[in-house]
Amino acid sequence: SALRADVAGSARDLATALQRANGVANRDHQGLLANLTSLSAGLNGYQRTLRSGIKALTARLKGLDLEMSRARSRVGGVQRMSHQALTDEVKDEVDGLAERLRSAIAGDREALL
């Protein structure tokens, strides 16, 4: 009879301990689910932020590419202008030398006649 009482008391203690453990496990499980849900929401927000940042960066890079293309065009135009200006300057110099040579030849011819 005393043994039965001890066994029944132990069984009650064990049942109470199991109920407590089950409650803790349920609370831990619910807490874990809440933490995972919060983490998932945070990751989704971070992903949206990254996508937005990537889109903004891509747009900026396209803008910079367009600016570089325009700058290359301007440099090419300046180079062509510089080439034309140099060509004009050389032509003027050659024309001046030719005129002085004609004058010198005409002067020599007059001196010979």
N, C-alpha and C. Protein backbone atom coordinates (compact mmCIF):
# COMPACT_ATOMS: atom_id res chain seq x y z
N SER A 1 0.83 -1.20 0.00
CA SER A 1 0.00 0.00 0.00
C SER A 1 0.86 1.25 0.00
N ALA A 2 1.91 1.26 0.80
CA ALA A 2 2.82 2.40 0.82
C ALA A 2 3.57 2.48 -0.51
N LEU A 3 3.89 1.32 -1.05
CA LEU A 3 4.58 1.28 -2.33
C LEU A 3 3.67 1.82 -3.43
N ARG A 4 2.38 1.42 -3.35
CA ARG A 4 1.44 1.94 -4.33
C ARG A 4 1.33 3.45 -4.25
N ALA A 5 1.30 3.97 -3.06
CA ALA A 5 1.21 5.42 -2.85
C ALA A 5 2.45 6.10 -3.40
N ASP A 6 3.63 5.51 -3.17
CA ASP A 6 4.87 6.08 -3.70
C ASP A 6 4.87 6.06 -5.24
N VAL A 7 4.41 4.94 -5.80
CA VAL A 7 4.37 4.82 -7.26
C VAL A 7 3.37 5.83 -7.83
N ALA A 8 2.19 5.95 -7.18
CA ALA A 8 1.18 6.91 -7.66
C ALA A 8 1.70 8.33 -7.55
N GLY A 9 2.38 8.64 -6.42
CA GLY A 9 2.96 9.98 -6.26
C GLY A 9 4.03 10.25 -7.30
N SER A 10 4.84 9.26 -7.56
CA SER A 10 5.88 9.42 -8.58
C SER A 10 5.26 9.59 -9.96
N ALA A 11 4.18 8.85 -10.23
CA ALA A 11 3.51 8.97 -11.53
C ALA A 11 2.91 10.36 -11.69
N ARG A 12 2.31 10.87 -10.58
CA ARG A 12 1.77 12.24 -10.64
C ARG A 12 2.89 13.25 -10.87
N ASP A 13 3.97 13.08 -10.13
CA ASP A 13 5.12 13.99 -10.31
C ASP A 13 5.64 13.93 -11.75
N LEU A 14 5.71 12.72 -12.27
CA LEU A 14 6.20 12.55 -13.64
C LEU A 14 5.22 13.19 -14.63
N ALA A 15 3.92 13.02 -14.43
CA ALA A 15 2.91 13.62 -15.31
C ALA A 15 2.99 15.14 -15.25
N THR A 16 3.16 15.67 -14.03
CA THR A 16 3.29 17.13 -13.86
C THR A 16 4.55 17.64 -14.57
N ALA A 17 5.64 16.92 -14.41
CA ALA A 17 6.90 17.31 -15.06
C ALA A 17 6.75 17.27 -16.58
N LEU A 18 6.06 16.23 -17.08
CA LEU A 18 5.84 16.13 -18.53
C LEU A 18 4.97 17.28 -19.03
N GLN A 19 3.94 17.64 -18.25
CA GLN A 19 3.08 18.75 -18.64
C GLN A 19 3.88 20.06 -18.68
N ARG A 20 4.71 20.24 -17.64
CA ARG A 20 5.56 21.45 -17.62
C ARG A 20 6.52 21.46 -18.82
N ALA A 21 7.13 20.32 -19.06
CA ALA A 21 8.08 20.22 -20.18
C ALA A 21 7.36 20.47 -21.51
N ASN A 22 6.15 19.93 -21.62
CA ASN A 22 5.36 20.14 -22.84
C ASN A 22 5.01 21.62 -22.99
N GLY A 23 4.65 22.28 -21.91
CA GLY A 23 4.33 23.72 -21.95
C GLY A 23 5.55 24.54 -22.35
N VAL A 24 6.69 24.19 -21.75
CA VAL A 24 7.93 24.90 -22.11
C VAL A 24 8.25 24.67 -23.59
N ALA A 25 8.10 23.43 -24.04
CA ALA A 25 8.39 23.12 -25.45
C ALA A 25 7.44 23.89 -26.36
N ASN A 26 6.14 23.97 -25.99
CA ASN A 26 5.19 24.73 -26.81
C ASN A 26 5.56 26.20 -26.84
N ARG A 27 5.91 26.75 -25.67
CA ARG A 27 6.29 28.17 -25.62
C ARG A 27 7.57 28.40 -26.43
N ASP A 28 8.54 27.48 -26.28
CA ASP A 28 9.78 27.60 -27.04
C ASP A 28 9.49 27.50 -28.55
N HIS A 29 8.62 26.58 -28.91
CA HIS A 29 8.27 26.40 -30.32
C HIS A 29 7.59 27.66 -30.85
N GLN A 30 6.65 28.21 -30.07
CA GLN A 30 5.97 29.44 -30.49
C GLN A 30 6.95 30.60 -30.57
N GLY A 31 7.85 30.66 -29.60
CA GLY A 31 8.88 31.71 -29.63
C GLY A 31 9.79 31.57 -30.83
N LEU A 32 10.16 30.32 -31.11
CA LEU A 32 11.00 30.07 -32.28
C LEU A 32 10.28 30.46 -33.56
N LEU A 33 9.00 30.10 -33.66
CA LEU A 33 8.23 30.49 -34.85
C LEU A 33 8.14 32.01 -34.97
N ALA A 34 7.91 32.68 -33.84
CA ALA A 34 7.84 34.16 -33.87
C ALA A 34 9.17 34.75 -34.30
N ASN A 35 10.26 34.19 -33.79
CA ASN A 35 11.59 34.69 -34.18
C ASN A 35 11.86 34.44 -35.65
N LEU A 36 11.47 33.27 -36.14
CA LEU A 36 11.67 32.96 -37.56
C LEU A 36 10.82 33.87 -38.46
N THR A 37 9.59 34.13 -38.01
CA THR A 37 8.72 35.03 -38.78
C THR A 37 9.32 36.43 -38.82
N SER A 38 9.81 36.88 -37.69
CA SER A 38 10.44 38.21 -37.62
C SER A 38 11.70 38.26 -38.49
N LEU A 39 12.49 37.21 -38.41
CA LEU A 39 13.71 37.13 -39.22
C LEU A 39 13.36 37.14 -40.71
N SER A 40 12.33 36.39 -41.08
CA SER A 40 11.90 36.34 -42.48
C SER A 40 11.45 37.72 -42.95
N ALA A 41 10.69 38.41 -42.13
CA ALA A 41 10.24 39.76 -42.49
C ALA A 41 11.44 40.69 -42.64
N GLY A 42 12.39 40.58 -41.73
CA GLY A 42 13.60 41.40 -41.82
C GLY A 42 14.39 41.12 -43.08
N LEU A 43 14.53 39.83 -43.42
CA LEU A 43 15.25 39.46 -44.64
C LEU A 43 14.53 39.95 -45.89
N ASN A 44 13.20 39.88 -45.87
CA ASN A 44 12.43 40.38 -47.02
C ASN A 44 12.64 41.88 -47.18
N GLY A 45 12.64 42.61 -46.07
CA GLY A 45 12.91 44.05 -46.13
C GLY A 45 14.31 44.34 -46.64
N TYR A 46 15.28 43.57 -46.17
CA TYR A 46 16.66 43.74 -46.62
C TYR A 46 16.78 43.46 -48.11
N GLN A 47 16.07 42.40 -48.57
CA GLN A 47 16.09 42.06 -49.99
C GLN A 47 15.48 43.19 -50.83
N ARG A 48 14.36 43.75 -50.36
CA ARG A 48 13.75 44.88 -51.09
C ARG A 48 14.71 46.07 -51.14
N THR A 49 15.38 46.32 -50.02
CA THR A 49 16.34 47.42 -49.97
C THR A 49 17.48 47.19 -50.96
N LEU A 50 17.99 45.96 -51.00
CA LEU A 50 19.07 45.64 -51.94
C LEU A 50 18.61 45.79 -53.39
N ARG A 51 17.41 45.29 -53.68
CA ARG A 51 16.91 45.42 -55.06
C ARG A 51 16.76 46.88 -55.44
N SER A 52 16.22 47.66 -54.52
CA SER A 52 16.05 49.09 -54.79
C SER A 52 17.41 49.75 -55.00
N GLY A 53 18.37 49.40 -54.15
CA GLY A 53 19.72 49.95 -54.29
C GLY A 53 20.37 49.54 -55.60
N ILE A 54 20.17 48.29 -56.00
CA ILE A 54 20.74 47.80 -57.26
C ILE A 54 20.11 48.54 -58.44
N LYS A 55 18.78 48.74 -58.38
CA LYS A 55 18.12 49.48 -59.46
C LYS A 55 18.66 50.90 -59.55
N ALA A 56 18.81 51.55 -58.39
CA ALA A 56 19.32 52.92 -58.39
C ALA A 56 20.76 52.96 -58.92
N LEU A 57 21.57 52.00 -58.50
CA LEU A 57 22.96 51.94 -58.96
C LEU A 57 23.02 51.66 -60.46
N THR A 58 22.18 50.77 -60.93
CA THR A 58 22.14 50.46 -62.37
C THR A 58 21.75 51.70 -63.17
N ALA A 59 20.75 52.43 -62.68
CA ALA A 59 20.34 53.66 -63.36
C ALA A 59 21.48 54.68 -63.37
N ARG A 60 22.18 54.80 -62.26
CA ARG A 60 23.31 55.74 -62.17
C ARG A 60 24.43 55.33 -63.13
N LEU A 61 24.69 54.02 -63.20
CA LEU A 61 25.74 53.54 -64.12
C LEU A 61 25.36 53.80 -65.57
N LYS A 62 24.08 53.62 -65.90
CA LYS A 62 23.63 53.92 -67.26
C LYS A 62 23.80 55.40 -67.55
N GLY A 63 23.49 56.24 -66.56
CA GLY A 63 23.67 57.68 -66.73
C GLY A 63 25.14 58.03 -66.93
N LEU A 64 26.01 57.40 -66.14
CA LEU A 64 27.45 57.66 -66.29
C LEU A 64 27.95 57.18 -67.65
N ASP A 65 27.44 56.05 -68.11
CA ASP A 65 27.83 55.54 -69.42
C ASP A 65 27.43 56.52 -70.52
N LEU A 66 26.22 57.08 -70.39
CA LEU A 66 25.75 58.07 -71.36
C LEU A 66 26.63 59.32 -71.31
N GLU A 67 26.96 59.76 -70.08
CA GLU A 67 27.84 60.93 -69.95
C GLU A 67 29.21 60.67 -70.57
N MET A 68 29.74 59.46 -70.37
CA MET A 68 31.05 59.12 -70.96
C MET A 68 30.96 59.10 -72.48
N SER A 69 29.87 58.58 -73.02
CA SER A 69 29.69 58.55 -74.46
C SER A 69 29.65 59.97 -75.03
N ARG A 70 28.91 60.84 -74.34
CA ARG A 70 28.86 62.25 -74.78
C ARG A 70 30.24 62.90 -74.69
N ALA A 71 30.97 62.61 -73.62
CA ALA A 71 32.31 63.19 -73.47
C ALA A 71 33.23 62.70 -74.58
N ARG A 72 33.13 61.39 -74.92
CA ARG A 72 33.94 60.86 -76.02
C ARG A 72 33.61 61.58 -77.33
N SER A 73 32.33 61.85 -77.55
CA SER A 73 31.92 62.56 -78.77
C SER A 73 32.51 63.96 -78.79
N ARG A 74 32.46 64.62 -77.62
CA ARG A 74 33.03 65.98 -77.55
C ARG A 74 34.53 65.96 -77.79
N VAL A 75 35.22 64.99 -77.21
CA VAL A 75 36.67 64.88 -77.41
C VAL A 75 36.96 64.62 -78.88
N GLY A 76 36.16 63.73 -79.49
CA GLY A 76 36.36 63.46 -80.92
C GLY A 76 36.15 64.70 -81.74
N GLY A 77 35.13 65.49 -81.39
CA GLY A 77 34.89 66.75 -82.11
C GLY A 77 36.04 67.72 -81.94
N VAL A 78 36.56 67.81 -80.72
CA VAL A 78 37.70 68.70 -80.47
C VAL A 78 38.92 68.22 -81.24
N GLN A 79 39.12 66.90 -81.27
CA GLN A 79 40.25 66.36 -82.02
C GLN A 79 40.12 66.68 -83.51
N ARG A 80 38.90 66.52 -84.04
CA ARG A 80 38.69 66.84 -85.45
C ARG A 80 38.93 68.32 -85.69
N MET A 81 38.42 69.16 -84.77
CA MET A 81 38.63 70.61 -84.92
C MET A 81 40.12 70.92 -84.85
N SER A 82 40.81 70.29 -83.91
CA SER A 82 42.25 70.54 -83.77
C SER A 82 42.97 70.09 -85.03
N HIS A 83 42.57 68.94 -85.57
CA HIS A 83 43.19 68.46 -86.79
C HIS A 83 42.92 69.45 -87.93
N GLN A 84 41.69 69.92 -88.04
CA GLN A 84 41.35 70.88 -89.08
C GLN A 84 42.12 72.19 -88.89
N ALA A 85 42.19 72.63 -87.61
CA ALA A 85 42.92 73.87 -87.34
C ALA A 85 44.40 73.71 -87.70
N LEU A 86 44.97 72.57 -87.35
CA LEU A 86 46.37 72.30 -87.68
C LEU A 86 46.55 72.25 -89.20
N THR A 87 45.62 71.60 -89.88
CA THR A 87 45.68 71.52 -91.34
C THR A 87 45.62 72.92 -91.95
N ASP A 88 44.69 73.73 -91.44
CA ASP A 88 44.57 75.11 -91.94
C ASP A 88 45.85 75.90 -91.69
N GLU A 89 46.44 75.72 -90.50
CA GLU A 89 47.66 76.46 -90.16
C GLU A 89 48.82 76.04 -91.08
N VAL A 90 48.96 74.74 -91.31
CA VAL A 90 50.03 74.26 -92.19
C VAL A 90 49.79 74.77 -93.61
N LYS A 91 48.54 74.73 -94.06
CA LYS A 91 48.21 75.23 -95.40
C LYS A 91 48.57 76.71 -95.52
N ASP A 92 48.22 77.50 -94.50
CA ASP A 92 48.55 78.93 -94.53
C ASP A 92 50.06 79.13 -94.57
N GLU A 93 50.78 78.35 -93.80
CA GLU A 93 52.24 78.46 -93.78
C GLU A 93 52.83 78.10 -95.14
N VAL A 94 52.33 77.01 -95.74
CA VAL A 94 52.81 76.59 -97.06
C VAL A 94 52.48 77.67 -98.10
N ASP A 95 51.24 78.21 -98.02
CA ASP A 95 50.87 79.28 -98.95
C ASP A 95 51.79 80.49 -98.79
N GLY A 96 52.12 80.84 -97.53
CA GLY A 96 53.03 81.97 -97.27
C GLY A 96 54.42 81.71 -97.83
N LEU A 97 54.92 80.48 -97.62
CA LEU A 97 56.25 80.13 -98.15
C LEU A 97 56.24 80.15 -99.67
N ALA A 98 55.17 79.64 -100.28
CA ALA A 98 55.07 79.64 -101.74
C ALA A 98 55.06 81.07 -102.27
N GLU A 99 54.34 81.95 -101.60
CA GLU A 99 54.28 83.36 -102.04
C GLU A 99 55.66 84.01 -101.94
N ARG A 100 56.36 83.75 -100.83
CA ARG A 100 57.70 84.33 -100.68
C ARG A 100 58.65 83.76 -101.73
N LEU A 101 58.50 82.49 -102.03
CA LEU A 101 59.34 81.87 -103.05
C LEU A 101 59.04 82.46 -104.43
N ARG A 102 57.73 82.64 -104.74
CA ARG A 102 57.38 83.28 -106.03
C ARG A 102 57.97 84.69 -106.10
N SER A 103 57.87 85.41 -105.00
CA SER A 103 58.41 86.78 -104.99
C SER A 103 59.92 86.77 -105.19
N ALA A 104 60.59 85.82 -104.55
CA ALA A 104 62.05 85.72 -104.67
C ALA A 104 62.43 85.36 -106.09
N ILE A 105 61.67 84.42 -106.67
CA ILE A 105 61.95 84.01 -108.07
C ILE A 105 61.71 85.19 -109.01
N ALA A 106 60.61 85.93 -108.79
CA ALA A 106 60.30 87.09 -109.63
C ALA A 106 61.40 88.14 -109.47
N GLY A 107 61.87 88.33 -108.23
CA GLY A 107 62.95 89.30 -108.00
C GLY A 107 64.23 88.87 -108.69
N ASP A 108 64.55 87.58 -108.63
CA ASP A 108 65.77 87.06 -109.30
C ASP A 108 65.64 87.19 -110.79
N ARG A 109 64.46 86.95 -111.33
CA ARG A 109 64.23 87.04 -112.77
C ARG A 109 64.45 88.47 -113.21
N GLU A 110 63.90 89.41 -112.44
CA GLU A 110 64.07 90.84 -112.80
C GLU A 110 65.53 91.24 -112.74
N ALA A 111 66.20 90.66 -111.73
CA ALA A 111 67.63 91.00 -111.60
C ALA A 111 68.42 90.43 -112.77
N LEU A 112 68.01 89.28 -113.30
CA LEU A 112 68.72 88.67 -114.40
C LEU A 112 68.42 89.37 -115.72
N LEU A 113 67.24 89.95 -115.82
CA LEU A 113 66.88 90.60 -117.08
C LEU A 113 67.50 91.94 -117.07
